[in-house]
Amino acid sequence: MRRLLPLIAIAACLLAFAAEAAERQVYDVPRGAHPHDVAPAPDGHIWYTAQAQGALGILDPATSKLRQVPLGEGSSPHGVIQGPDGAAWITDGGLNAIVRFDPKSEAIKTWPLPQDARDADLNTAAFDRDGIL
């Protein structure tokens, strides 16, 4: 009997509100990913943090295909948001850093927090009206 993969409901990013009803999609993600936050990507994909696997998940809802981009040794990403620059901005408690994933180049840049903020316990970030994280 085939083992079922864990499921993640990404309803927050996929609900299409019509006048009478909303639809929810559910997708399989890799076993042990322990997805945490989700955010829409500018190209229609959906980003999620694979907290237990130290990765950014990228789901294509049109094809149900997904992949995970490793964020570095010791990574334990918590939140992901789309920044005003169209990049994925990730708070990573394992790295104790802010991580940026550029969806065009797939470059990853990491900004470690100061040493005296080792136990910051980062959560989901936000940008203000001026585009400041």
N, C-alpha and C. Protein backbone atom coordinates (compact mmCIF):
# COMPACT_ATOMS: atom_id res chain seq x y z
N MET A 1 0.84 -1.18 0.00
CA MET A 1 0.00 0.00 0.00
C MET A 1 0.88 1.25 0.00
N ARG A 2 0.59 2.12 -0.87
CA ARG A 2 1.37 3.35 -1.01
C ARG A 2 1.19 4.24 0.21
N ARG A 3 2.30 4.73 0.73
CA ARG A 3 2.21 5.66 1.86
C ARG A 3 1.81 7.03 1.34
N LEU A 4 0.91 7.62 2.03
CA LEU A 4 0.48 8.95 1.63
C LEU A 4 1.46 9.99 2.12
N LEU A 5 1.78 10.93 1.27
CA LEU A 5 2.63 12.04 1.66
C LEU A 5 1.82 13.02 2.50
N PRO A 6 2.48 13.78 3.34
CA PRO A 6 1.75 14.79 4.10
C PRO A 6 1.08 15.76 3.15
N LEU A 7 -0.01 16.30 3.57
CA LEU A 7 -0.75 17.25 2.74
C LEU A 7 -0.66 18.65 3.32
N ILE A 8 -0.68 19.62 2.46
CA ILE A 8 -0.73 21.01 2.91
C ILE A 8 -1.85 21.71 2.17
N ALA A 9 -2.64 22.37 2.92
CA ALA A 9 -3.70 23.17 2.33
C ALA A 9 -3.16 24.58 2.15
N ILE A 10 -3.09 25.01 0.94
CA ILE A 10 -2.58 26.33 0.67
C ILE A 10 -3.75 27.22 0.27
N ALA A 11 -4.81 27.04 0.98
CA ALA A 11 -6.04 27.73 0.65
C ALA A 11 -5.91 29.24 0.70
N ALA A 12 -5.10 29.75 1.61
CA ALA A 12 -4.98 31.20 1.75
C ALA A 12 -4.51 31.85 0.46
N CYS A 13 -3.66 31.13 -0.30
CA CYS A 13 -3.14 31.69 -1.55
C CYS A 13 -3.94 31.27 -2.77
N LEU A 14 -4.78 30.27 -2.63
CA LEU A 14 -5.44 29.71 -3.81
C LEU A 14 -6.94 29.91 -3.86
N LEU A 15 -7.51 30.47 -2.81
CA LEU A 15 -8.97 30.63 -2.84
C LEU A 15 -9.37 31.65 -3.89
N ALA A 16 -10.25 31.27 -4.74
CA ALA A 16 -10.80 32.19 -5.73
C ALA A 16 -12.23 32.47 -5.30
N PHE A 17 -12.42 33.64 -4.75
CA PHE A 17 -13.73 33.98 -4.23
C PHE A 17 -14.65 34.39 -5.36
N ALA A 18 -15.67 33.61 -5.56
CA ALA A 18 -16.72 33.94 -6.52
C ALA A 18 -17.90 34.48 -5.71
N ALA A 19 -18.92 34.89 -6.37
CA ALA A 19 -20.08 35.45 -5.68
C ALA A 19 -20.72 34.43 -4.76
N GLU A 20 -20.66 33.15 -5.14
CA GLU A 20 -21.37 32.15 -4.35
C GLU A 20 -20.48 31.15 -3.63
N ALA A 21 -19.28 30.89 -4.12
CA ALA A 21 -18.49 29.81 -3.50
C ALA A 21 -17.00 30.07 -3.66
N ALA A 22 -16.23 29.40 -2.81
CA ALA A 22 -14.78 29.44 -2.90
C ALA A 22 -14.29 28.01 -3.09
N GLU A 23 -13.15 27.87 -3.76
CA GLU A 23 -12.59 26.55 -3.99
C GLU A 23 -11.25 26.44 -3.26
N ARG A 24 -10.97 25.27 -2.72
CA ARG A 24 -9.73 25.02 -2.00
C ARG A 24 -9.00 23.88 -2.69
N GLN A 25 -7.68 24.03 -2.85
CA GLN A 25 -6.83 22.99 -3.41
C GLN A 25 -5.92 22.47 -2.33
N VAL A 26 -5.61 21.19 -2.40
CA VAL A 26 -4.69 20.55 -1.46
C VAL A 26 -3.61 19.87 -2.30
N TYR A 27 -2.34 20.03 -1.87
CA TYR A 27 -1.21 19.48 -2.61
C TYR A 27 -0.34 18.62 -1.70
N ASP A 28 0.28 17.59 -2.29
CA ASP A 28 1.26 16.78 -1.58
C ASP A 28 2.58 17.54 -1.51
N VAL A 29 3.23 17.47 -0.37
CA VAL A 29 4.57 18.04 -0.22
C VAL A 29 5.49 16.92 0.27
N PRO A 30 6.80 17.10 0.15
CA PRO A 30 7.71 16.03 0.60
C PRO A 30 7.52 15.67 2.07
N ARG A 31 7.60 14.38 2.35
CA ARG A 31 7.50 13.90 3.72
C ARG A 31 8.55 14.59 4.58
N GLY A 32 8.14 15.07 5.74
CA GLY A 32 9.05 15.70 6.67
C GLY A 32 9.32 17.17 6.42
N ALA A 33 8.68 17.77 5.42
CA ALA A 33 8.93 19.19 5.11
C ALA A 33 8.41 20.10 6.23
N HIS A 34 7.33 19.72 6.86
CA HIS A 34 6.70 20.54 7.89
C HIS A 34 6.53 21.98 7.42
N PRO A 35 5.74 22.18 6.35
CA PRO A 35 5.55 23.53 5.82
C PRO A 35 4.99 24.46 6.88
N HIS A 36 5.45 25.69 6.83
CA HIS A 36 5.01 26.66 7.83
C HIS A 36 4.20 27.77 7.17
N ASP A 37 4.84 28.78 6.65
CA ASP A 37 4.13 29.89 6.02
C ASP A 37 4.01 29.68 4.51
N VAL A 38 3.08 30.39 3.90
CA VAL A 38 2.92 30.41 2.45
C VAL A 38 2.81 31.86 2.00
N ALA A 39 3.20 32.11 0.75
CA ALA A 39 3.09 33.44 0.16
C ALA A 39 2.97 33.30 -1.35
N PRO A 40 2.25 34.22 -1.99
CA PRO A 40 2.18 34.18 -3.45
C PRO A 40 3.48 34.69 -4.06
N ALA A 41 3.91 34.07 -5.13
CA ALA A 41 5.06 34.54 -5.89
C ALA A 41 4.53 35.37 -7.07
N PRO A 42 5.32 36.30 -7.60
CA PRO A 42 4.81 37.17 -8.66
C PRO A 42 4.47 36.44 -9.96
N ASP A 43 5.01 35.24 -10.17
CA ASP A 43 4.75 34.49 -11.40
C ASP A 43 3.59 33.51 -11.29
N GLY A 44 2.84 33.58 -10.19
CA GLY A 44 1.71 32.68 -10.00
C GLY A 44 2.04 31.43 -9.20
N HIS A 45 3.32 31.18 -8.94
CA HIS A 45 3.70 30.08 -8.07
C HIS A 45 3.39 30.44 -6.62
N ILE A 46 3.54 29.47 -5.75
CA ILE A 46 3.31 29.69 -4.33
C ILE A 46 4.58 29.26 -3.60
N TRP A 47 5.05 30.12 -2.72
CA TRP A 47 6.20 29.81 -1.89
C TRP A 47 5.73 29.31 -0.55
N TYR A 48 6.47 28.37 0.03
CA TYR A 48 6.23 27.94 1.40
C TYR A 48 7.56 27.64 2.05
N THR A 49 7.60 27.74 3.36
CA THR A 49 8.83 27.38 4.06
C THR A 49 8.73 25.92 4.49
N ALA A 50 9.74 25.16 4.11
CA ALA A 50 9.87 23.76 4.52
C ALA A 50 10.75 23.79 5.77
N GLN A 51 10.12 24.10 6.89
CA GLN A 51 10.83 24.41 8.12
C GLN A 51 11.77 23.30 8.57
N ALA A 52 11.32 22.06 8.52
CA ALA A 52 12.13 20.95 9.02
C ALA A 52 13.21 20.51 8.04
N GLN A 53 13.14 21.00 6.80
CA GLN A 53 14.13 20.60 5.80
C GLN A 53 15.02 21.76 5.36
N GLY A 54 14.86 22.92 5.99
CA GLY A 54 15.72 24.06 5.70
C GLY A 54 15.65 24.53 4.27
N ALA A 55 14.42 24.64 3.74
CA ALA A 55 14.27 24.97 2.33
C ALA A 55 13.10 25.91 2.09
N LEU A 56 13.14 26.53 0.93
CA LEU A 56 12.01 27.27 0.41
C LEU A 56 11.33 26.37 -0.60
N GLY A 57 10.05 26.11 -0.40
CA GLY A 57 9.28 25.31 -1.35
C GLY A 57 8.68 26.21 -2.40
N ILE A 58 8.63 25.73 -3.64
CA ILE A 58 8.04 26.47 -4.74
C ILE A 58 7.04 25.54 -5.42
N LEU A 59 5.78 25.92 -5.37
CA LEU A 59 4.69 25.11 -5.92
C LEU A 59 4.10 25.81 -7.13
N ASP A 60 3.91 25.07 -8.20
CA ASP A 60 3.19 25.56 -9.37
C ASP A 60 1.78 25.00 -9.29
N PRO A 61 0.80 25.81 -8.91
CA PRO A 61 -0.55 25.28 -8.75
C PRO A 61 -1.19 24.83 -10.07
N ALA A 62 -0.69 25.32 -11.19
CA ALA A 62 -1.25 24.92 -12.48
C ALA A 62 -0.90 23.48 -12.83
N THR A 63 0.28 23.03 -12.39
CA THR A 63 0.73 21.68 -12.73
C THR A 63 0.87 20.76 -11.52
N SER A 64 0.74 21.32 -10.31
CA SER A 64 0.94 20.61 -9.05
C SER A 64 2.39 20.20 -8.83
N LYS A 65 3.31 20.67 -9.67
CA LYS A 65 4.73 20.35 -9.48
C LYS A 65 5.31 21.26 -8.42
N LEU A 66 6.23 20.68 -7.63
CA LEU A 66 6.91 21.50 -6.64
C LEU A 66 8.35 21.07 -6.52
N ARG A 67 9.12 22.00 -6.00
CA ARG A 67 10.52 21.73 -5.72
C ARG A 67 10.91 22.53 -4.49
N GLN A 68 12.00 22.16 -3.90
CA GLN A 68 12.49 22.85 -2.72
C GLN A 68 13.91 23.33 -2.96
N VAL A 69 14.17 24.56 -2.55
CA VAL A 69 15.48 25.18 -2.69
C VAL A 69 16.13 25.22 -1.31
N PRO A 70 17.24 24.50 -1.10
CA PRO A 70 17.91 24.53 0.20
C PRO A 70 18.42 25.93 0.52
N LEU A 71 18.27 26.35 1.78
CA LEU A 71 18.66 27.69 2.20
C LEU A 71 19.99 27.72 2.95
N GLY A 72 20.57 26.58 3.19
CA GLY A 72 21.88 26.54 3.85
C GLY A 72 21.86 25.61 5.05
N GLU A 73 23.03 25.12 5.41
CA GLU A 73 23.16 24.21 6.54
C GLU A 73 22.69 24.88 7.83
N GLY A 74 21.83 24.20 8.57
CA GLY A 74 21.30 24.72 9.82
C GLY A 74 20.04 25.55 9.65
N SER A 75 19.59 25.72 8.41
CA SER A 75 18.40 26.53 8.14
C SER A 75 17.15 25.91 8.76
N SER A 76 16.30 26.77 9.28
CA SER A 76 14.98 26.39 9.78
C SER A 76 14.06 27.58 9.53
N PRO A 77 13.63 27.75 8.27
CA PRO A 77 12.86 28.93 7.90
C PRO A 77 11.48 28.95 8.54
N HIS A 78 11.06 30.14 8.92
CA HIS A 78 9.75 30.30 9.54
C HIS A 78 8.79 30.97 8.57
N GLY A 79 8.97 32.26 8.35
CA GLY A 79 8.05 33.01 7.52
C GLY A 79 8.59 33.29 6.14
N VAL A 80 7.68 33.44 5.18
CA VAL A 80 8.04 33.86 3.84
C VAL A 80 7.00 34.87 3.38
N ILE A 81 7.49 35.96 2.80
CA ILE A 81 6.60 36.98 2.22
C ILE A 81 7.17 37.40 0.88
N GLN A 82 6.32 37.97 0.03
CA GLN A 82 6.80 38.56 -1.21
C GLN A 82 7.16 40.00 -0.93
N GLY A 83 8.38 40.37 -1.24
CA GLY A 83 8.82 41.73 -1.03
C GLY A 83 8.41 42.64 -2.18
N PRO A 84 8.55 43.95 -2.00
CA PRO A 84 8.20 44.89 -3.05
C PRO A 84 9.08 44.71 -4.30
N ASP A 85 10.19 44.02 -4.16
CA ASP A 85 11.08 43.73 -5.29
C ASP A 85 10.71 42.43 -6.00
N GLY A 86 9.65 41.75 -5.55
CA GLY A 86 9.21 40.50 -6.16
C GLY A 86 9.95 39.27 -5.68
N ALA A 87 10.87 39.45 -4.74
CA ALA A 87 11.65 38.34 -4.19
C ALA A 87 10.93 37.73 -2.99
N ALA A 88 11.32 36.50 -2.66
CA ALA A 88 10.85 35.86 -1.44
C ALA A 88 11.77 36.30 -0.30
N TRP A 89 11.21 36.85 0.76
CA TRP A 89 11.95 37.27 1.95
C TRP A 89 11.57 36.33 3.06
N ILE A 90 12.57 35.70 3.66
CA ILE A 90 12.36 34.60 4.59
C ILE A 90 13.02 34.93 5.92
N THR A 91 12.29 34.69 7.01
CA THR A 91 12.90 34.77 8.33
C THR A 91 13.34 33.35 8.70
N ASP A 92 14.59 33.21 9.10
CA ASP A 92 15.15 31.88 9.33
C ASP A 92 15.75 31.80 10.73
N GLY A 93 15.04 31.13 11.63
CA GLY A 93 15.49 30.99 13.00
C GLY A 93 16.71 30.10 13.15
N GLY A 94 16.85 29.12 12.28
CA GLY A 94 18.02 28.24 12.35
C GLY A 94 19.29 28.97 11.98
N LEU A 95 19.22 29.82 10.97
CA LEU A 95 20.37 30.62 10.56
C LEU A 95 20.46 31.92 11.35
N ASN A 96 19.38 32.24 12.08
CA ASN A 96 19.26 33.51 12.80
C ASN A 96 19.56 34.66 11.83
N ALA A 97 18.82 34.63 10.72
CA ALA A 97 19.08 35.55 9.63
C ALA A 97 17.82 35.86 8.83
N ILE A 98 17.93 36.89 8.03
CA ILE A 98 16.94 37.20 7.00
C ILE A 98 17.53 36.66 5.70
N VAL A 99 16.71 35.97 4.92
CA VAL A 99 17.17 35.35 3.67
C VAL A 99 16.30 35.88 2.53
N ARG A 100 16.95 36.21 1.41
CA ARG A 100 16.24 36.68 0.22
C ARG A 100 16.49 35.70 -0.92
N PHE A 101 15.40 35.25 -1.56
CA PHE A 101 15.49 34.37 -2.73
C PHE A 101 14.98 35.15 -3.93
N ASP A 102 15.83 35.33 -4.93
CA ASP A 102 15.45 36.02 -6.16
C ASP A 102 14.85 35.00 -7.12
N PRO A 103 13.56 35.10 -7.45
CA PRO A 103 12.94 34.08 -8.29
C PRO A 103 13.45 34.08 -9.73
N LYS A 104 14.05 35.17 -10.19
CA LYS A 104 14.56 35.21 -11.57
C LYS A 104 15.93 34.55 -11.67
N SER A 105 16.85 34.93 -10.81
CA SER A 105 18.21 34.38 -10.87
C SER A 105 18.39 33.17 -9.95
N GLU A 106 17.47 32.99 -9.02
CA GLU A 106 17.51 31.96 -7.98
C GLU A 106 18.69 32.16 -7.03
N ALA A 107 19.19 33.39 -6.99
CA ALA A 107 20.27 33.71 -6.04
C ALA A 107 19.69 33.81 -4.64
N ILE A 108 20.47 33.33 -3.68
CA ILE A 108 20.08 33.40 -2.27
C ILE A 108 21.08 34.32 -1.57
N LYS A 109 20.56 35.30 -0.84
CA LYS A 109 21.42 36.21 -0.06
C LYS A 109 20.95 36.13 1.38
N THR A 110 21.90 36.07 2.30
CA THR A 110 21.59 35.93 3.72
C THR A 110 22.19 37.09 4.50
N TRP A 111 21.37 37.67 5.40
CA TRP A 111 21.81 38.71 6.30
C TRP A 111 21.70 38.19 7.73
N PRO A 112 22.80 37.75 8.32
CA PRO A 112 22.76 37.27 9.71
C PRO A 112 22.42 38.42 10.66
N LEU A 113 21.70 38.09 11.72
CA LEU A 113 21.43 39.07 12.77
C LEU A 113 22.70 39.27 13.59
N PRO A 114 22.80 40.38 14.32
CA PRO A 114 23.98 40.60 15.17
C PRO A 114 24.16 39.46 16.17
N GLN A 115 25.41 39.22 16.57
CA GLN A 115 25.73 38.15 17.51
C GLN A 115 24.96 38.27 18.82
N ASP A 116 24.69 39.50 19.27
CA ASP A 116 23.98 39.66 20.54
C ASP A 116 22.48 39.40 20.41
N ALA A 117 22.02 39.03 19.20
CA ALA A 117 20.61 38.68 18.98
C ALA A 117 20.50 37.22 18.58
N ARG A 118 21.33 36.37 19.18
CA ARG A 118 21.36 34.94 18.82
C ARG A 118 20.04 34.22 19.03
N ASP A 119 19.28 34.62 20.03
CA ASP A 119 18.01 33.95 20.32
C ASP A 119 16.83 34.81 19.93
N ALA A 120 16.88 35.43 18.77
CA ALA A 120 15.83 36.36 18.33
C ALA A 120 14.49 35.66 18.08
N ASP A 121 14.51 34.37 17.76
CA ASP A 121 13.29 33.61 17.48
C ASP A 121 12.44 34.32 16.43
N LEU A 122 13.03 34.51 15.26
CA LEU A 122 12.39 35.23 14.17
C LEU A 122 11.05 34.63 13.78
N ASN A 123 10.12 35.50 13.45
CA ASN A 123 8.80 35.11 12.98
C ASN A 123 8.63 35.66 11.57
N THR A 124 7.43 35.87 11.12
CA THR A 124 7.19 36.36 9.78
C THR A 124 7.44 37.87 9.71
N ALA A 125 8.16 38.31 8.69
CA ALA A 125 8.49 39.72 8.53
C ALA A 125 7.37 40.46 7.79
N ALA A 126 7.55 41.77 7.68
CA ALA A 126 6.63 42.62 6.93
C ALA A 126 7.41 43.80 6.38
N PHE A 127 6.98 44.35 5.28
CA PHE A 127 7.54 45.57 4.73
C PHE A 127 6.61 46.72 5.05
N ASP A 128 7.19 47.89 5.35
CA ASP A 128 6.33 49.06 5.58
C ASP A 128 6.04 49.75 4.23
N ARG A 129 5.31 50.86 4.28
CA ARG A 129 4.90 51.56 3.05
C ARG A 129 6.08 52.07 2.25
N ASP A 130 7.22 52.26 2.92
CA ASP A 130 8.42 52.75 2.24
C ASP A 130 9.28 51.60 1.71
N GLY A 131 8.81 50.36 1.87
CA GLY A 131 9.55 49.20 1.38
C GLY A 131 10.67 48.77 2.30
N ILE A 132 10.60 49.18 3.56
CA ILE A 132 11.63 48.81 4.53
C ILE A 132 11.15 47.58 5.31
N LEU A 133 12.04 46.59 5.39
CA LEU A 133 11.71 45.35 6.10
C LEU A 133 11.74 45.61 7.60
